[in-house]
Amino acid sequence: MSGGVSAITLDLRELTFIDSTGLHALVRAKERARTHGQQLILVGARPSARRLFELTCTEYLLDDQDVIGVIKQFTGSRTSLMGETLKTPS
């Protein structure tokens, strides 16, 4: 495990476009995370993006919306934007 991180959540709610290149990147990221003993959790895909996942038989990449509630239960409501570092309270 890298730096104590066991799961990474990627919120796709603001994703307005994804093509085969983006889809391939997500497949590879999910595989890489699994190889390193981590979990990549993809949530919030819009119907148009969800349709691409279905057409390409990659809907297995998408995690159920209920996952967000479970994650918050274990991590609190701590979230970060890309590039931000979460600081542990002293």
Protein backbone atom coordinates (compact mmCIF):
# COMPACT_ATOMS: atom_id res chain seq x y z
CA MET A 1 0.00 0.00 0.00
CA SER A 2 1.32 3.44 -0.89
CA GLY A 3 1.50 5.99 1.93
CA GLY A 4 -1.31 4.35 3.91
CA VAL A 5 -3.88 5.06 1.18
CA SER A 6 -6.21 2.11 0.69
CA ALA A 7 -8.88 3.73 -1.48
CA ILE A 8 -9.17 6.62 -3.89
CA THR A 9 -12.60 7.98 -4.81
CA LEU A 10 -13.05 9.67 -8.17
CA ASP A 11 -16.25 11.72 -8.36
CA LEU A 12 -17.52 11.77 -11.96
CA ARG A 13 -20.51 14.08 -11.37
CA GLU A 14 -18.86 16.97 -13.24
CA LEU A 15 -17.66 14.76 -16.11
CA THR A 16 -19.40 16.00 -19.25
CA PHE A 17 -17.44 14.04 -21.85
CA ILE A 18 -15.48 10.81 -21.95
CA ASP A 19 -14.14 8.98 -24.97
CA SER A 20 -12.20 5.76 -25.48
CA THR A 21 -8.96 7.40 -24.33
CA GLY A 22 -10.50 8.51 -21.04
CA LEU A 23 -12.19 5.16 -20.58
CA HIS A 24 -8.91 3.34 -21.20
CA ALA A 25 -7.19 5.57 -18.62
CA LEU A 26 -9.82 4.64 -16.02
CA VAL A 27 -9.48 0.92 -16.79
CA ARG A 28 -5.70 1.14 -16.39
CA ALA A 29 -5.99 3.21 -13.19
CA LYS A 30 -8.38 0.65 -11.67
CA GLU A 31 -5.98 -2.18 -12.59
CA ARG A 32 -2.97 -0.28 -11.23
CA ALA A 33 -4.75 0.45 -7.96
CA ARG A 34 -5.69 -3.22 -7.56
CA THR A 35 -2.09 -4.26 -8.27
CA HIS A 36 -0.93 -2.00 -5.43
CA GLY A 37 -3.53 -3.28 -2.98
CA GLN A 38 -5.68 -0.19 -3.31
CA GLN A 39 -9.20 0.44 -4.51
CA LEU A 40 -10.21 3.04 -7.10
CA ILE A 41 -13.85 3.95 -6.54
CA LEU A 42 -15.69 5.70 -9.39
CA VAL A 43 -18.97 7.35 -8.40
CA GLY A 44 -21.49 9.81 -9.76
CA ALA A 45 -21.34 9.06 -13.49
CA ARG A 46 -23.96 10.93 -15.47
CA PRO A 47 -26.33 8.93 -17.70
CA SER A 48 -24.37 9.78 -20.88
CA ALA A 49 -21.09 8.57 -19.37
CA ARG A 50 -22.82 5.56 -17.81
CA ARG A 51 -24.12 4.63 -21.27
CA LEU A 52 -20.56 4.52 -22.66
CA PHE A 53 -19.53 2.23 -19.81
CA GLU A 54 -22.51 -0.03 -20.61
CA LEU A 55 -21.81 -0.09 -24.37
CA THR A 56 -18.19 -1.03 -23.79
CA CYS A 57 -18.97 -3.61 -21.08
CA THR A 58 -16.93 -1.65 -18.55
CA GLU A 59 -19.80 -0.76 -16.20
CA TYR A 60 -18.02 -2.95 -13.65
CA LEU A 61 -15.78 0.08 -13.12
CA LEU A 62 -18.64 2.14 -11.70
CA ASP A 63 -19.42 1.84 -8.03
CA ASP A 64 -22.87 2.24 -6.52
CA GLN A 65 -23.88 5.69 -5.22
CA ASP A 66 -24.27 4.18 -1.75
CA VAL A 67 -20.49 3.77 -1.67
CA ILE A 68 -20.14 7.49 -0.89
CA GLY A 69 -22.08 7.08 2.36
CA VAL A 70 -19.98 4.11 3.39
CA ILE A 71 -16.76 5.95 2.61
CA LYS A 72 -17.83 8.95 4.68
CA GLN A 73 -18.69 6.64 7.53
CA PHE A 74 -15.09 5.44 7.70
CA THR A 75 -13.29 8.63 6.70
CA GLY A 76 -15.61 11.33 7.98
CA SER A 77 -16.52 13.96 5.44
CA ARG A 78 -12.87 14.58 4.63
CA THR A 79 -12.44 15.07 0.92
CA SER A 80 -9.81 16.73 -1.19
CA LEU A 81 -9.54 18.16 -4.63
CA MET A 82 -6.88 16.89 -6.98
CA GLY A 83 -3.51 18.08 -5.76
CA GLU A 84 -4.68 18.95 -2.25
CA THR A 85 -3.18 17.21 0.72
CA LEU A 86 -5.45 16.21 3.58
CA LYS A 87 -4.07 17.35 6.88
CA THR A 88 -4.64 15.26 9.96
CA PRO A 89 -5.93 17.34 12.90
CA SER A 90 -3.35 17.79 15.66
